[in-house]
């Protein structure tokens, strides 16, 4: 069963006992997803945009899967709370990005989900030149309930494609390398 926790006024974390991978050394790693509402107002292409909030999603290791050195590196607290540690890890290193709208094309889900939030769906060009549909919200207050009711509900599907997601290149490695670095504190 997926549990959801609010980390701050614009960030949620979802986890499930079944969201796991096994690293090359055989050690199990529990995972979760951070959802952050990002307001693009004032950035290029969003100067006067009324619907400027997007929801970014990233897979991160759960706090129980973190090496002690990683905990010491990302947290300034001697005994960080579980939610504080998740938030610190995400803020410090990010996670493996996931396009949650790719699970079900945003336009296809609008009829079932439009009642939850004031939103529009727009095409957006990725760095690879591909056009993807991205859901835009008017406010963070619109984005968070939608995330709880729709994105979190859809998030278990992400873990059915975990190998594919983790095999994708991310800068100087793959998503798998990033997750290993986040949990163990050293690159692939």
Protein backbone atom coordinates (compact mmCIF):
# COMPACT_ATOMS: atom_id res chain seq x y z
CA UNK A 1 0.00 0.00 0.00
CA UNK A 2 1.36 3.39 -1.01
CA UNK A 3 1.91 5.84 1.84
CA UNK A 4 2.25 9.59 1.23
CA UNK A 5 4.04 12.14 3.41
CA UNK A 6 4.25 15.90 3.00
CA UNK A 7 7.90 17.05 3.29
CA UNK A 8 7.27 20.79 2.95
CA UNK A 9 4.68 23.16 1.49
CA UNK A 10 5.36 22.00 -2.09
CA UNK A 11 6.94 18.55 -1.76
CA UNK A 12 5.42 15.09 -1.20
CA UNK A 13 7.08 11.69 -0.76
CA UNK A 14 5.39 8.37 -1.62
CA UNK A 15 6.63 4.88 -0.77
CA UNK A 16 5.50 1.29 -0.76
CA UNK A 17 7.11 -1.81 0.81
CA UNK A 18 7.17 -3.46 -2.63
CA UNK A 19 9.21 -0.70 -4.30
CA UNK A 20 12.66 -2.31 -4.23
CA UNK A 21 15.64 -3.19 -6.34
CA UNK A 22 18.69 -5.31 -5.71
CA UNK A 23 22.12 -3.76 -6.26
CA UNK A 24 24.95 -5.62 -8.00
CA UNK A 25 26.36 -6.69 -4.63
CA UNK A 26 23.01 -8.31 -3.77
CA UNK A 27 21.97 -5.74 -1.19
CA UNK A 28 18.29 -4.81 -1.30
CA UNK A 29 17.33 -1.18 -1.71
CA UNK A 30 13.91 0.27 -0.81
CA UNK A 31 12.74 3.17 -2.94
CA UNK A 32 10.29 6.05 -2.91
CA UNK A 33 9.26 8.94 -5.14
CA UNK A 34 9.58 12.62 -4.33
CA UNK A 35 7.02 14.88 -6.01
CA UNK A 36 7.90 18.58 -6.05
CA UNK A 37 5.68 21.38 -7.35
CA UNK A 38 7.92 23.79 -9.28
CA UNK A 39 6.68 27.24 -10.25
CA UNK A 40 8.25 28.26 -13.57
CA UNK A 41 6.76 31.79 -13.48
CA UNK A 42 9.31 34.32 -14.65
CA UNK A 43 11.49 31.77 -16.44
CA UNK A 44 11.96 31.68 -20.21
CA UNK A 45 8.66 30.88 -21.89
CA UNK A 46 6.69 31.35 -18.66
CA UNK A 47 7.04 35.11 -18.13
CA UNK A 48 3.30 35.83 -18.15
CA UNK A 49 2.00 32.26 -17.98
CA UNK A 50 -1.04 31.73 -15.77
CA UNK A 51 -0.44 27.95 -15.57
CA UNK A 52 3.22 27.94 -14.55
CA UNK A 53 3.41 25.14 -11.96
CA UNK A 54 4.61 21.67 -12.99
CA UNK A 55 5.09 18.60 -10.84
CA UNK A 56 8.54 17.04 -11.01
CA UNK A 57 9.04 13.46 -9.83
CA UNK A 58 12.24 11.67 -8.84
CA UNK A 59 12.98 8.20 -7.44
CA UNK A 60 15.15 8.18 -4.32
CA UNK A 61 16.30 5.48 -1.89
CA UNK A 62 14.30 5.22 1.33
CA UNK A 63 16.12 6.42 4.47
CA UNK A 64 16.52 2.84 5.71
CA UNK A 65 18.57 2.06 2.60
CA UNK A 66 21.09 4.87 3.11
CA UNK A 67 24.70 4.27 4.10
CA UNK A 68 25.75 6.05 7.33
CA UNK A 69 28.24 8.20 5.37
CA UNK A 70 25.44 9.46 3.10
CA UNK A 71 23.32 10.35 6.13
CA UNK A 72 26.20 12.30 7.68
CA UNK A 73 26.88 14.08 4.39
CA UNK A 74 23.36 15.25 3.61
CA UNK A 75 21.98 16.03 7.05
CA UNK A 76 23.13 18.76 9.40
CA UNK A 77 21.17 17.22 12.26
CA UNK A 78 22.75 14.65 14.57
CA UNK A 79 19.55 12.58 14.61
CA UNK A 80 17.54 13.63 11.56
CA UNK A 81 13.88 12.68 11.34
CA UNK A 82 12.99 10.17 8.66
CA UNK A 83 11.12 12.79 6.60
CA UNK A 84 13.90 15.34 7.18
CA UNK A 85 16.46 12.85 5.85
CA UNK A 86 14.42 12.18 2.69
CA UNK A 87 14.07 15.92 2.12
CA UNK A 88 17.78 16.58 2.78
CA UNK A 89 18.85 13.79 0.40
CA UNK A 90 16.56 15.07 -2.34
CA UNK A 91 17.62 18.71 -1.87
CA UNK A 92 21.30 17.77 -1.78
CA UNK A 93 21.47 15.27 -4.67
CA UNK A 94 18.09 15.06 -6.39
CA UNK A 95 17.01 11.64 -7.59
CA UNK A 96 16.36 9.67 -10.77
CA UNK A 97 13.85 11.79 -12.72
CA UNK A 98 10.60 10.23 -13.86
CA UNK A 99 8.04 11.74 -16.25
CA UNK A 100 4.96 10.70 -14.33
CA UNK A 101 2.69 11.98 -17.14
CA UNK A 102 4.30 9.42 -19.48
CA UNK A 103 2.52 6.63 -17.59
CA UNK A 104 -0.77 7.72 -19.06
CA UNK A 105 -0.76 10.51 -21.62
CA UNK A 106 -1.93 13.64 -19.86
CA UNK A 107 -4.60 14.42 -22.43
CA UNK A 108 -6.04 10.90 -22.12
CA UNK A 109 -6.41 11.25 -18.35
CA UNK A 110 -7.93 14.74 -18.29
CA UNK A 111 -11.51 13.55 -18.36
CA UNK A 112 -11.03 11.37 -15.30
CA UNK A 113 -8.78 13.75 -13.45
CA UNK A 114 -9.72 17.27 -14.47
CA UNK A 115 -12.21 17.61 -11.62
CA UNK A 116 -9.36 17.38 -9.12
CA UNK A 117 -7.43 20.50 -10.15
CA UNK A 118 -7.36 23.52 -12.40
CA UNK A 119 -4.87 22.41 -15.08
CA UNK A 120 -3.86 22.51 -18.72
CA UNK A 121 -1.82 20.05 -20.76
CA UNK A 122 0.88 21.32 -23.11
CA UNK A 123 3.49 19.74 -25.33
CA UNK A 124 7.06 20.26 -24.19
CA UNK A 125 10.25 19.47 -26.11
CA UNK A 126 12.83 17.39 -24.24
CA UNK A 127 16.61 17.70 -24.53
CA UNK A 128 16.54 14.77 -26.99
CA UNK A 129 14.08 16.63 -29.22
CA UNK A 130 11.07 14.49 -28.34
CA UNK A 131 7.77 16.23 -27.58
CA UNK A 132 6.03 15.05 -24.43
CA UNK A 133 2.77 16.10 -22.78
CA UNK A 134 3.20 17.92 -19.47
CA UNK A 135 0.47 18.92 -17.08
CA UNK A 136 0.59 22.55 -15.85
CA UNK A 137 -1.25 23.88 -12.81
CA UNK A 138 -2.22 27.40 -11.85
CA UNK A 139 -0.92 27.06 -8.25
CA UNK A 140 0.99 24.72 -5.95
CA UNK A 141 -2.30 24.37 -4.07
CA UNK A 142 -3.84 22.91 -7.26
CA UNK A 143 -0.87 20.63 -7.96
CA UNK A 144 -0.57 18.93 -4.56
CA UNK A 145 -4.10 17.47 -4.27
CA UNK A 146 -3.87 16.32 -7.89
CA UNK A 147 -0.57 14.63 -7.08
CA UNK A 148 -2.07 12.86 -4.06
CA UNK A 149 -5.16 11.72 -5.99
CA UNK A 150 -3.70 10.91 -9.39
CA UNK A 151 0.11 10.80 -9.61
CA UNK A 152 0.52 8.83 -6.38
CA UNK A 153 -2.24 6.47 -7.52
CA UNK A 154 -0.37 5.93 -10.83
CA UNK A 155 3.12 5.72 -9.29
CA UNK A 156 3.21 1.91 -8.74
CA UNK A 157 3.33 1.60 -12.54
CA UNK A 158 6.73 3.34 -12.46
CA UNK A 159 8.16 0.37 -10.58
CA UNK A 160 7.00 -2.05 -13.28
CA UNK A 161 9.44 -0.26 -15.64
CA UNK A 162 12.21 0.27 -13.10
CA UNK A 163 14.93 -1.56 -15.07
CA UNK A 164 14.20 0.56 -18.14
CA UNK A 165 14.13 3.80 -16.09
CA UNK A 166 17.38 2.96 -14.29
CA UNK A 167 19.12 2.00 -17.54
CA UNK A 168 18.54 5.48 -19.04
CA UNK A 169 21.57 7.79 -19.28
CA UNK A 170 21.78 10.64 -16.76
CA UNK A 171 24.76 12.87 -17.39
CA UNK A 172 27.77 10.75 -16.40
CA UNK A 173 26.04 7.47 -15.77
CA UNK A 174 22.64 5.81 -15.63
CA UNK A 175 19.75 6.01 -13.23
CA UNK A 176 21.09 2.83 -11.62
CA UNK A 177 24.44 4.56 -11.02
CA UNK A 178 22.63 7.55 -9.49
CA UNK A 179 20.58 5.37 -7.10
CA UNK A 180 23.72 3.51 -6.03
CA UNK A 181 25.53 6.81 -5.41
CA UNK A 182 22.55 8.16 -3.44
CA UNK A 183 22.40 5.09 -1.21
CA UNK A 184 26.07 4.13 -0.89
CA UNK A 185 27.77 7.49 -1.32
CA UNK A 186 30.05 6.61 -4.19
CA UNK A 187 29.60 6.49 -7.98
CA UNK A 188 28.84 3.34 -9.96
